[in-house]
Amino acid sequence: MYKNLRFQKNHNFFFKNNINQKKKKKKINLKSYTDYKSTTESQIIYIYSFNFSFFCFCSLSTIINQHQKFKKKAYKTATKKKKNM
């Protein structure tokens, strides 16, 4: 019984200490914060540039595909005309 009470007291003491330590606010290191801010800005710029390049690539690929389809149609019509002649 005595041991259990002692353990409980110690446990409560440590538990309270942990809570108090968590409540203490950490001081923000300005250098690390500015580094973090600059990295996020550069990441945003990189993402935008990547999206833009991806959009350009997609539009180019669609243009090329349409051009190839047009070529195939033109070839088919040309061969049909030759056969008819």
Protein backbone atom coordinates (compact mmCIF):
# COMPACT_ATOMS: atom_id res chain seq x y z
CA MET A 1 0.00 0.00 0.00
CA TYR A 2 2.72 2.43 0.97
CA LYS A 3 4.74 1.65 -2.14
CA ASN A 4 1.75 2.24 -4.36
CA LEU A 5 1.08 5.63 -2.80
CA ARG A 6 4.72 6.62 -3.17
CA PHE A 7 4.72 5.55 -6.79
CA GLN A 8 1.53 7.51 -7.41
CA LYS A 9 3.01 10.67 -5.86
CA ASN A 10 6.15 10.38 -7.96
CA HIS A 11 4.13 9.68 -11.05
CA ASN A 12 1.96 12.76 -10.48
CA PHE A 13 5.04 14.88 -9.87
CA PHE A 14 6.67 13.78 -13.12
CA PHE A 15 3.43 14.13 -15.01
CA LYS A 16 2.99 17.73 -13.80
CA ASN A 17 6.58 18.53 -14.75
CA ASN A 18 6.01 17.22 -18.26
CA ILE A 19 2.90 19.35 -18.67
CA ASN A 20 4.75 22.46 -17.46
CA GLN A 21 7.60 21.79 -19.87
CA LYS A 22 5.18 21.46 -22.77
CA LYS A 23 3.46 24.74 -21.84
CA LYS A 24 6.73 26.70 -22.04
CA LYS A 25 6.87 28.43 -25.40
CA LYS A 26 9.92 27.78 -27.50
CA LYS A 27 11.74 30.90 -28.60
CA ILE A 28 11.73 31.19 -32.38
CA ASN A 29 15.20 31.28 -33.83
CA LEU A 30 14.96 34.10 -36.38
CA LYS A 31 17.64 32.71 -38.67
CA SER A 32 15.92 29.35 -38.99
CA TYR A 33 12.57 31.10 -39.54
CA THR A 34 13.93 33.23 -42.39
CA ASP A 35 15.54 30.15 -43.92
CA TYR A 36 12.21 28.35 -43.69
CA LYS A 37 10.38 31.29 -45.25
CA SER A 38 12.85 31.56 -48.13
CA THR A 39 12.67 27.82 -48.79
CA THR A 40 8.88 27.90 -48.93
CA GLU A 41 8.97 30.83 -51.37
CA SER A 42 11.46 29.04 -53.60
CA GLN A 43 9.37 25.86 -53.47
CA ILE A 44 6.27 27.81 -54.51
CA ILE A 45 8.15 29.38 -57.43
CA TYR A 46 9.47 25.95 -58.44
CA ILE A 47 5.96 24.44 -58.31
CA TYR A 48 4.54 27.25 -60.46
CA SER A 49 7.34 26.92 -63.01
CA PHE A 50 6.90 23.14 -63.10
CA ASN A 51 3.15 23.50 -63.65
CA PHE A 52 3.72 26.02 -66.42
CA SER A 53 6.27 23.78 -68.17
CA PHE A 54 3.96 20.77 -67.77
CA PHE A 55 1.09 22.77 -69.29
CA CYS A 56 3.32 23.77 -72.22
CA PHE A 57 4.38 20.15 -72.71
CA CYS A 58 0.76 18.96 -72.68
CA SER A 59 -0.32 21.59 -75.20
CA LEU A 60 2.64 20.73 -77.44
CA SER A 61 1.84 17.03 -77.27
CA THR A 62 -1.80 17.66 -78.23
CA ILE A 63 -0.70 19.85 -81.15
CA ILE A 64 1.71 17.15 -82.34
CA ASN A 65 -0.97 14.45 -82.03
CA GLN A 66 -3.46 16.53 -84.01
CA HIS A 67 -0.83 17.20 -86.65
CA GLN A 68 -0.09 13.47 -86.97
CA LYS A 69 -3.82 12.70 -87.29
CA PHE A 70 -4.11 15.38 -89.96
CA LYS A 71 -1.12 13.85 -91.78
CA LYS A 72 -2.74 10.40 -91.72
CA LYS A 73 -6.03 11.79 -93.05
CA ALA A 74 -4.23 13.71 -95.77
CA TYR A 75 -2.27 10.58 -96.76
CA LYS A 76 -5.48 8.49 -96.88
CA THR A 77 -7.28 11.06 -99.03
CA ALA A 78 -4.28 11.35 -101.35
CA THR A 79 -4.07 7.57 -101.81
CA LYS A 80 -7.84 7.37 -102.44
CA LYS A 81 -7.59 10.02 -105.14
CA LYS A 82 -4.72 8.15 -106.80
CA LYS A 83 -6.72 4.90 -106.79
CA ASN A 84 -9.76 6.64 -108.31
CA MET A 85 -7.66 8.13 -111.09
